[in-house]
Amino acid sequence: MIVLSILGSLAAIGVFCWLLFTLAVFALPFFLGLTAGTSAYGSGTGWLGAVIVGLIAAGATFGIGQLMLALVRPLWLKLVVVLAFVAPAVVAGYAATHGIVKNTMPSETWQLVFSGVGAITVGIVAFVRLTALIPSEPPGRDITRA
């Protein structure tokens, strides 16, 4: 029975880490959507209105980010856009890793070390995934050649 619980715990940690790495790109839209939805709920829109406002804000954030990555020409400006999306992913990676290791390690020093490693790892994964979304050629280049 103990072996099954250990294997189940490892499987759960693996699923949560996979989910964290997959969704790290969406940390900024999630945070902005959550903030907009909370603000809308606080102003009296109700649950449905808050959910709709949050979804629209999150979708607009992700869409504007993708549009900026596709249309902005200078590389340094693309890097600024990517870093704006990576920074919340690093914070989410730190919080998620700290939540996992807080329950498994008694030493606070090692909790902070592993949380920092988790944050850096999630940040690198988010950076790589976002740079894969950048088109290799600026849009419209083939039109000018014709």
N, C-alpha and C. Protein backbone atom coordinates (compact mmCIF):
# COMPACT_ATOMS: atom_id res chain seq x y z
N MET A 1 0.82 -1.19 0.00
CA MET A 1 0.00 0.00 0.00
C MET A 1 0.87 1.26 0.00
N ILE A 2 1.98 1.21 0.73
CA ILE A 2 2.87 2.37 0.78
C ILE A 2 3.47 2.63 -0.59
N VAL A 3 3.81 1.55 -1.29
CA VAL A 3 4.40 1.68 -2.62
C VAL A 3 3.41 2.36 -3.57
N LEU A 4 2.15 1.98 -3.48
CA LEU A 4 1.13 2.59 -4.34
C LEU A 4 0.97 4.09 -4.05
N SER A 5 1.02 4.46 -2.77
CA SER A 5 0.89 5.87 -2.43
C SER A 5 2.10 6.67 -2.91
N ILE A 6 3.29 6.08 -2.84
CA ILE A 6 4.48 6.76 -3.34
C ILE A 6 4.38 6.93 -4.86
N LEU A 7 4.00 5.88 -5.56
CA LEU A 7 3.85 5.96 -7.02
C LEU A 7 2.75 6.96 -7.40
N GLY A 8 1.66 6.96 -6.64
CA GLY A 8 0.60 7.92 -6.90
C GLY A 8 1.05 9.35 -6.69
N SER A 9 1.85 9.58 -5.63
CA SER A 9 2.38 10.92 -5.38
C SER A 9 3.32 11.36 -6.49
N LEU A 10 4.20 10.45 -6.93
CA LEU A 10 5.10 10.79 -8.03
C LEU A 10 4.33 11.08 -9.32
N ALA A 11 3.29 10.31 -9.57
CA ALA A 11 2.48 10.56 -10.77
C ALA A 11 1.77 11.91 -10.67
N ALA A 12 1.25 12.24 -9.50
CA ALA A 12 0.58 13.53 -9.32
C ALA A 12 1.55 14.68 -9.50
N ILE A 13 2.75 14.56 -8.94
CA ILE A 13 3.76 15.61 -9.11
C ILE A 13 4.13 15.75 -10.58
N GLY A 14 4.28 14.61 -11.27
CA GLY A 14 4.59 14.65 -12.70
C GLY A 14 3.50 15.34 -13.51
N VAL A 15 2.25 15.03 -13.20
CA VAL A 15 1.13 15.66 -13.92
C VAL A 15 1.10 17.16 -13.64
N PHE A 16 1.30 17.55 -12.38
CA PHE A 16 1.29 18.98 -12.05
C PHE A 16 2.45 19.71 -12.71
N CYS A 17 3.62 19.09 -12.76
CA CYS A 17 4.77 19.74 -13.42
C CYS A 17 4.53 19.86 -14.92
N TRP A 18 3.98 18.82 -15.54
CA TRP A 18 3.66 18.89 -16.97
C TRP A 18 2.64 19.99 -17.23
N LEU A 19 1.63 20.07 -16.38
CA LEU A 19 0.61 21.10 -16.53
C LEU A 19 1.21 22.49 -16.35
N LEU A 20 2.10 22.64 -15.38
CA LEU A 20 2.75 23.92 -15.14
C LEU A 20 3.60 24.34 -16.33
N PHE A 21 4.38 23.41 -16.88
CA PHE A 21 5.21 23.73 -18.04
C PHE A 21 4.36 24.05 -19.26
N THR A 22 3.25 23.35 -19.43
CA THR A 22 2.39 23.59 -20.58
C THR A 22 1.68 24.93 -20.49
N LEU A 23 1.24 25.29 -19.30
CA LEU A 23 0.45 26.50 -19.14
C LEU A 23 1.26 27.72 -18.73
N ALA A 24 2.58 27.60 -18.64
CA ALA A 24 3.41 28.73 -18.21
C ALA A 24 3.31 29.91 -19.18
N VAL A 25 3.10 29.63 -20.44
CA VAL A 25 2.99 30.70 -21.44
C VAL A 25 1.77 31.58 -21.17
N PHE A 26 0.75 30.99 -20.56
CA PHE A 26 -0.50 31.71 -20.34
C PHE A 26 -0.60 32.36 -18.97
N ALA A 27 0.52 32.50 -18.26
CA ALA A 27 0.48 33.07 -16.91
C ALA A 27 0.06 34.54 -16.95
N LEU A 28 0.63 35.33 -17.86
CA LEU A 28 0.27 36.75 -17.93
C LEU A 28 -1.20 36.94 -18.31
N PRO A 29 -1.70 36.29 -19.37
CA PRO A 29 -3.13 36.44 -19.65
C PRO A 29 -4.02 35.97 -18.50
N PHE A 30 -3.61 34.90 -17.80
CA PHE A 30 -4.40 34.42 -16.67
C PHE A 30 -4.44 35.45 -15.56
N PHE A 31 -3.27 35.99 -15.21
CA PHE A 31 -3.23 36.98 -14.13
C PHE A 31 -4.04 38.23 -14.49
N LEU A 32 -3.91 38.72 -15.72
CA LEU A 32 -4.66 39.91 -16.11
C LEU A 32 -6.16 39.62 -16.21
N GLY A 33 -6.51 38.43 -16.71
CA GLY A 33 -7.93 38.05 -16.76
C GLY A 33 -8.52 37.92 -15.37
N LEU A 34 -7.75 37.33 -14.45
CA LEU A 34 -8.22 37.19 -13.07
C LEU A 34 -8.37 38.55 -12.40
N THR A 35 -7.43 39.44 -12.65
CA THR A 35 -7.51 40.78 -12.08
C THR A 35 -8.70 41.54 -12.63
N ALA A 36 -8.91 41.45 -13.94
CA ALA A 36 -10.05 42.15 -14.55
C ALA A 36 -11.37 41.57 -14.07
N GLY A 37 -11.44 40.24 -13.97
CA GLY A 37 -12.66 39.60 -13.49
C GLY A 37 -12.95 39.95 -12.04
N THR A 38 -11.93 39.98 -11.20
CA THR A 38 -12.11 40.35 -9.80
C THR A 38 -12.56 41.80 -9.67
N SER A 39 -11.96 42.65 -10.47
CA SER A 39 -12.35 44.05 -10.45
C SER A 39 -13.79 44.24 -10.93
N ALA A 40 -14.16 43.50 -11.96
CA ALA A 40 -15.53 43.59 -12.46
C ALA A 40 -16.52 43.07 -11.43
N TYR A 41 -16.16 41.99 -10.75
CA TYR A 41 -17.05 41.46 -9.72
C TYR A 41 -17.19 42.45 -8.56
N GLY A 42 -16.09 43.10 -8.21
CA GLY A 42 -16.13 44.09 -7.14
C GLY A 42 -16.97 45.31 -7.48
N SER A 43 -17.12 45.58 -8.78
CA SER A 43 -17.93 46.74 -9.18
C SER A 43 -19.40 46.38 -9.35
N GLY A 44 -19.75 45.10 -9.12
CA GLY A 44 -21.16 44.74 -9.10
C GLY A 44 -21.67 44.05 -10.35
N THR A 45 -20.83 43.46 -11.17
CA THR A 45 -21.33 42.81 -12.38
C THR A 45 -21.88 41.42 -12.13
N GLY A 46 -21.58 40.83 -10.99
CA GLY A 46 -22.03 39.47 -10.71
C GLY A 46 -21.03 38.45 -11.25
N TRP A 47 -21.32 37.16 -10.97
CA TRP A 47 -20.37 36.11 -11.35
C TRP A 47 -20.25 35.98 -12.87
N LEU A 48 -21.36 35.96 -13.55
CA LEU A 48 -21.33 35.77 -15.00
C LEU A 48 -20.61 36.91 -15.70
N GLY A 49 -20.91 38.12 -15.31
CA GLY A 49 -20.24 39.28 -15.90
C GLY A 49 -18.75 39.28 -15.61
N ALA A 50 -18.38 38.89 -14.39
CA ALA A 50 -16.96 38.84 -14.03
C ALA A 50 -16.22 37.80 -14.85
N VAL A 51 -16.84 36.64 -15.06
CA VAL A 51 -16.22 35.59 -15.87
C VAL A 51 -16.06 36.06 -17.31
N ILE A 52 -17.07 36.69 -17.85
CA ILE A 52 -17.00 37.18 -19.24
C ILE A 52 -15.92 38.24 -19.38
N VAL A 53 -15.87 39.19 -18.45
CA VAL A 53 -14.84 40.24 -18.50
C VAL A 53 -13.45 39.64 -18.37
N GLY A 54 -13.29 38.67 -17.46
CA GLY A 54 -12.00 38.02 -17.28
C GLY A 54 -11.56 37.26 -18.53
N LEU A 55 -12.48 36.54 -19.16
CA LEU A 55 -12.14 35.81 -20.38
C LEU A 55 -11.77 36.75 -21.52
N ILE A 56 -12.50 37.84 -21.64
CA ILE A 56 -12.19 38.81 -22.70
C ILE A 56 -10.83 39.45 -22.45
N ALA A 57 -10.55 39.81 -21.21
CA ALA A 57 -9.25 40.42 -20.89
C ALA A 57 -8.10 39.44 -21.13
N ALA A 58 -8.27 38.20 -20.73
CA ALA A 58 -7.22 37.19 -20.93
C ALA A 58 -7.01 36.93 -22.42
N GLY A 59 -8.09 36.78 -23.17
CA GLY A 59 -7.97 36.55 -24.61
C GLY A 59 -7.35 37.73 -25.33
N ALA A 60 -7.74 38.93 -24.93
CA ALA A 60 -7.16 40.13 -25.56
C ALA A 60 -5.68 40.25 -25.24
N THR A 61 -5.29 39.92 -24.02
CA THR A 61 -3.87 39.98 -23.64
C THR A 61 -3.06 39.01 -24.48
N PHE A 62 -3.54 37.77 -24.58
CA PHE A 62 -2.80 36.78 -25.37
C PHE A 62 -2.79 37.16 -26.85
N GLY A 63 -3.92 37.64 -27.36
CA GLY A 63 -3.99 38.04 -28.77
C GLY A 63 -3.09 39.22 -29.09
N ILE A 64 -3.07 40.21 -28.22
CA ILE A 64 -2.20 41.37 -28.44
C ILE A 64 -0.74 40.96 -28.36
N GLY A 65 -0.41 40.06 -27.43
CA GLY A 65 0.97 39.57 -27.34
C GLY A 65 1.38 38.84 -28.61
N GLN A 66 0.51 37.98 -29.13
CA GLN A 66 0.82 37.26 -30.36
C GLN A 66 0.93 38.21 -31.55
N LEU A 67 0.05 39.19 -31.59
CA LEU A 67 0.10 40.18 -32.67
C LEU A 67 1.39 41.00 -32.61
N MET A 68 1.79 41.37 -31.41
CA MET A 68 3.03 42.13 -31.27
C MET A 68 4.24 41.30 -31.67
N LEU A 69 4.25 40.01 -31.31
CA LEU A 69 5.36 39.16 -31.71
C LEU A 69 5.42 38.98 -33.22
N ALA A 70 4.27 39.01 -33.87
CA ALA A 70 4.23 38.82 -35.32
C ALA A 70 4.56 40.10 -36.08
N LEU A 71 4.19 41.25 -35.55
CA LEU A 71 4.31 42.49 -36.32
C LEU A 71 5.48 43.38 -35.94
N VAL A 72 5.97 43.27 -34.72
CA VAL A 72 7.05 44.14 -34.27
C VAL A 72 8.34 43.71 -34.96
N ARG A 73 9.09 44.67 -35.50
CA ARG A 73 10.29 44.34 -36.26
C ARG A 73 11.56 44.27 -35.41
N PRO A 74 11.85 45.23 -34.55
CA PRO A 74 13.12 45.16 -33.81
C PRO A 74 13.15 43.97 -32.84
N LEU A 75 14.27 43.30 -32.83
CA LEU A 75 14.42 42.12 -31.99
C LEU A 75 14.36 42.47 -30.51
N TRP A 76 14.87 43.61 -30.11
CA TRP A 76 14.87 43.99 -28.71
C TRP A 76 13.44 44.22 -28.22
N LEU A 77 12.56 44.71 -29.10
CA LEU A 77 11.18 44.92 -28.71
C LEU A 77 10.44 43.59 -28.58
N LYS A 78 10.78 42.62 -29.45
CA LYS A 78 10.21 41.28 -29.30
C LYS A 78 10.67 40.65 -27.99
N LEU A 79 11.92 40.90 -27.63
CA LEU A 79 12.43 40.38 -26.37
C LEU A 79 11.69 40.98 -25.18
N VAL A 80 11.34 42.25 -25.25
CA VAL A 80 10.58 42.90 -24.19
C VAL A 80 9.20 42.25 -24.06
N VAL A 81 8.55 41.97 -25.19
CA VAL A 81 7.24 41.33 -25.16
C VAL A 81 7.35 39.93 -24.56
N VAL A 82 8.36 39.18 -24.98
CA VAL A 82 8.54 37.83 -24.46
C VAL A 82 8.83 37.87 -22.96
N LEU A 83 9.66 38.80 -22.53
CA LEU A 83 9.97 38.89 -21.10
C LEU A 83 8.74 39.32 -20.28
N ALA A 84 7.85 40.10 -20.88
CA ALA A 84 6.61 40.47 -20.18
C ALA A 84 5.74 39.24 -19.94
N PHE A 85 5.82 38.25 -20.83
CA PHE A 85 5.07 37.02 -20.64
C PHE A 85 5.82 36.03 -19.75
N VAL A 86 7.16 36.09 -19.75
CA VAL A 86 7.95 35.14 -18.97
C VAL A 86 7.97 35.50 -17.48
N ALA A 87 7.96 36.77 -17.15
CA ALA A 87 8.06 37.18 -15.74
C ALA A 87 6.94 36.60 -14.87
N PRO A 88 5.67 36.66 -15.27
CA PRO A 88 4.64 36.01 -14.44
C PRO A 88 4.79 34.49 -14.40
N ALA A 89 5.33 33.90 -15.47
CA ALA A 89 5.55 32.46 -15.47
C ALA A 89 6.60 32.08 -14.43
N VAL A 90 7.62 32.92 -14.27
CA VAL A 90 8.65 32.67 -13.26
C VAL A 90 8.03 32.74 -11.86
N VAL A 91 7.20 33.72 -11.63
CA VAL A 91 6.53 33.85 -10.32
C VAL A 91 5.63 32.64 -10.06
N ALA A 92 4.88 32.22 -11.08
CA ALA A 92 4.01 31.05 -10.93
C ALA A 92 4.83 29.79 -10.70
N GLY A 93 5.97 29.67 -11.38
CA GLY A 93 6.84 28.52 -11.18
C GLY A 93 7.41 28.46 -9.78
N TYR A 94 7.79 29.62 -9.26
CA TYR A 94 8.30 29.69 -7.89
C TYR A 94 7.21 29.26 -6.89
N ALA A 95 6.02 29.82 -7.07
CA ALA A 95 4.94 29.51 -6.13
C ALA A 95 4.54 28.04 -6.19
N ALA A 96 4.46 27.50 -7.39
CA ALA A 96 4.07 26.09 -7.53
C ALA A 96 5.13 25.16 -6.95
N THR A 97 6.40 25.44 -7.25
CA THR A 97 7.47 24.60 -6.72
C THR A 97 7.56 24.72 -5.21
N HIS A 98 7.40 25.93 -4.69
CA HIS A 98 7.45 26.12 -3.25
C HIS A 98 6.30 25.39 -2.56
N GLY A 99 5.13 25.39 -3.19
CA GLY A 99 4.00 24.66 -2.63
C GLY A 99 4.24 23.17 -2.56
N ILE A 100 4.96 22.64 -3.55
CA ILE A 100 5.25 21.20 -3.56
C ILE A 100 6.32 20.86 -2.53
N VAL A 101 7.43 21.62 -2.53
CA VAL A 101 8.55 21.25 -1.65
C VAL A 101 8.29 21.63 -0.20
N LYS A 102 7.37 22.54 0.05
CA LYS A 102 7.07 22.92 1.43
C LYS A 102 6.51 21.72 2.20
N ASN A 103 5.82 20.84 1.50
CA ASN A 103 5.24 19.67 2.15
C ASN A 103 6.19 18.49 2.21
N THR A 104 7.32 18.56 1.52
CA THR A 104 8.21 17.41 1.48
C THR A 104 9.56 17.65 2.12
N MET A 105 9.97 18.91 2.32
CA MET A 105 11.28 19.22 2.90
C MET A 105 11.13 20.05 4.15
N PRO A 106 11.78 19.62 5.23
CA PRO A 106 11.67 20.40 6.46
C PRO A 106 12.57 21.64 6.47
N SER A 107 13.66 21.63 5.72
CA SER A 107 14.62 22.74 5.75
C SER A 107 14.13 23.89 4.87
N GLU A 108 14.00 25.08 5.47
CA GLU A 108 13.55 26.23 4.70
C GLU A 108 14.57 26.66 3.66
N THR A 109 15.85 26.46 3.96
CA THR A 109 16.90 26.82 3.00
C THR A 109 16.75 26.01 1.73
N TRP A 110 16.57 24.69 1.87
CA TRP A 110 16.42 23.85 0.69
C TRP A 110 15.09 24.10 -0.01
N GLN A 111 14.08 24.49 0.74
CA GLN A 111 12.81 24.87 0.10
C GLN A 111 13.03 26.04 -0.84
N LEU A 112 13.77 27.05 -0.36
CA LEU A 112 14.03 28.22 -1.20
C LEU A 112 14.92 27.88 -2.39
N VAL A 113 15.89 27.01 -2.17
CA VAL A 113 16.78 26.61 -3.27
C VAL A 113 15.99 25.89 -4.36
N PHE A 114 15.19 24.91 -3.97
CA PHE A 114 14.42 24.17 -4.96
C PHE A 114 13.34 25.05 -5.60
N SER A 115 12.77 25.96 -4.84
CA SER A 115 11.79 26.88 -5.41
C SER A 115 12.43 27.79 -6.45
N GLY A 116 13.65 28.25 -6.17
CA GLY A 116 14.38 29.06 -7.15
C GLY A 116 14.71 28.29 -8.40
N VAL A 117 15.14 27.04 -8.23
CA VAL A 117 15.43 26.20 -9.40
C VAL A 117 14.16 25.96 -10.21
N GLY A 118 13.05 25.72 -9.53
CA GLY A 118 11.77 25.54 -10.23
C GLY A 118 11.35 26.79 -10.98
N ALA A 119 11.55 27.95 -10.37
CA ALA A 119 11.19 29.21 -11.02
C ALA A 119 12.04 29.42 -12.27
N ILE A 120 13.33 29.17 -12.16
CA ILE A 120 14.22 29.34 -13.32
C ILE A 120 13.85 28.36 -14.43
N THR A 121 13.56 27.12 -14.05
CA THR A 121 13.20 26.11 -15.05
C THR A 121 11.91 26.48 -15.77
N VAL A 122 10.90 26.89 -15.04
CA VAL A 122 9.64 27.29 -15.66
C VAL A 122 9.85 28.52 -16.54
N GLY A 123 10.68 29.46 -16.10
CA GLY A 123 10.97 30.63 -16.91
C GLY A 123 11.65 30.28 -18.22
N ILE A 124 12.60 29.35 -18.16
CA ILE A 124 13.29 28.92 -19.39
C ILE A 124 12.31 28.23 -20.33
N VAL A 125 11.47 27.37 -19.80
CA VAL A 125 10.50 26.67 -20.64
C VAL A 125 9.53 27.66 -21.28
N ALA A 126 9.05 28.62 -20.51
CA ALA A 126 8.14 29.63 -21.07
C ALA A 126 8.85 30.47 -22.14
N PHE A 127 10.11 30.83 -21.89
CA PHE A 127 10.88 31.60 -22.87
C PHE A 127 11.04 30.82 -24.17
N VAL A 128 11.38 29.55 -24.06
CA VAL A 128 11.57 28.72 -25.27
C VAL A 128 10.25 28.57 -26.02
N ARG A 129 9.17 28.34 -25.31
CA ARG A 129 7.87 28.18 -25.98
C ARG A 129 7.42 29.48 -26.64
N LEU A 130 7.68 30.60 -25.99
CA LEU A 130 7.28 31.88 -26.59
C LEU A 130 8.15 32.24 -27.79
N THR A 131 9.43 31.95 -27.73
CA THR A 131 10.27 32.26 -28.88
C THR A 131 9.96 31.33 -30.05
N ALA A 132 9.40 30.16 -29.78
CA ALA A 132 8.97 29.29 -30.88
C ALA A 132 7.75 29.86 -31.59
N LEU A 133 7.01 30.75 -30.93
CA LEU A 133 5.84 31.36 -31.55
C LEU A 133 6.18 32.54 -32.45
N ILE A 134 7.41 33.02 -32.37
CA ILE A 134 7.82 34.16 -33.19
C ILE A 134 8.05 33.68 -34.62
N PRO A 135 7.40 34.32 -35.59
CA PRO A 135 7.61 33.89 -36.98
C PRO A 135 9.05 34.17 -37.41
N SER A 136 9.58 33.28 -38.27
CA SER A 136 10.96 33.42 -38.70
C SER A 136 11.13 34.56 -39.69
N GLU A 137 10.10 34.86 -40.47
CA GLU A 137 10.16 35.97 -41.42
C GLU A 137 9.07 36.96 -41.07
N PRO A 138 9.34 38.24 -41.20
CA PRO A 138 8.28 39.22 -40.95
C PRO A 138 7.14 39.03 -41.93
N PRO A 139 5.90 39.26 -41.48
CA PRO A 139 4.75 39.08 -42.38
C PRO A 139 4.80 40.08 -43.52
N GLY A 140 4.36 39.62 -44.68
CA GLY A 140 4.28 40.51 -45.83
C GLY A 140 5.55 40.53 -46.68
N ARG A 141 6.58 39.81 -46.28
CA ARG A 141 7.81 39.83 -47.05
C ARG A 141 7.62 39.16 -48.40
N ASP A 142 6.83 38.07 -48.46
CA ASP A 142 6.60 37.38 -49.73
C ASP A 142 5.76 38.23 -50.67
N ILE A 143 4.92 39.09 -50.15
CA ILE A 143 4.09 39.94 -50.99
C ILE A 143 4.94 40.97 -51.73
N THR A 144 5.96 41.48 -51.06
CA THR A 144 6.79 42.51 -51.70
C THR A 144 7.67 41.93 -52.79
N ARG A 145 7.97 40.64 -52.71
CA ARG A 145 8.81 40.02 -53.74
C ARG A 145 8.05 39.76 -55.02
N ALA A 146 6.74 39.63 -54.94
CA ALA A 146 5.95 39.29 -56.13
C ALA A 146 5.87 40.41 -57.11
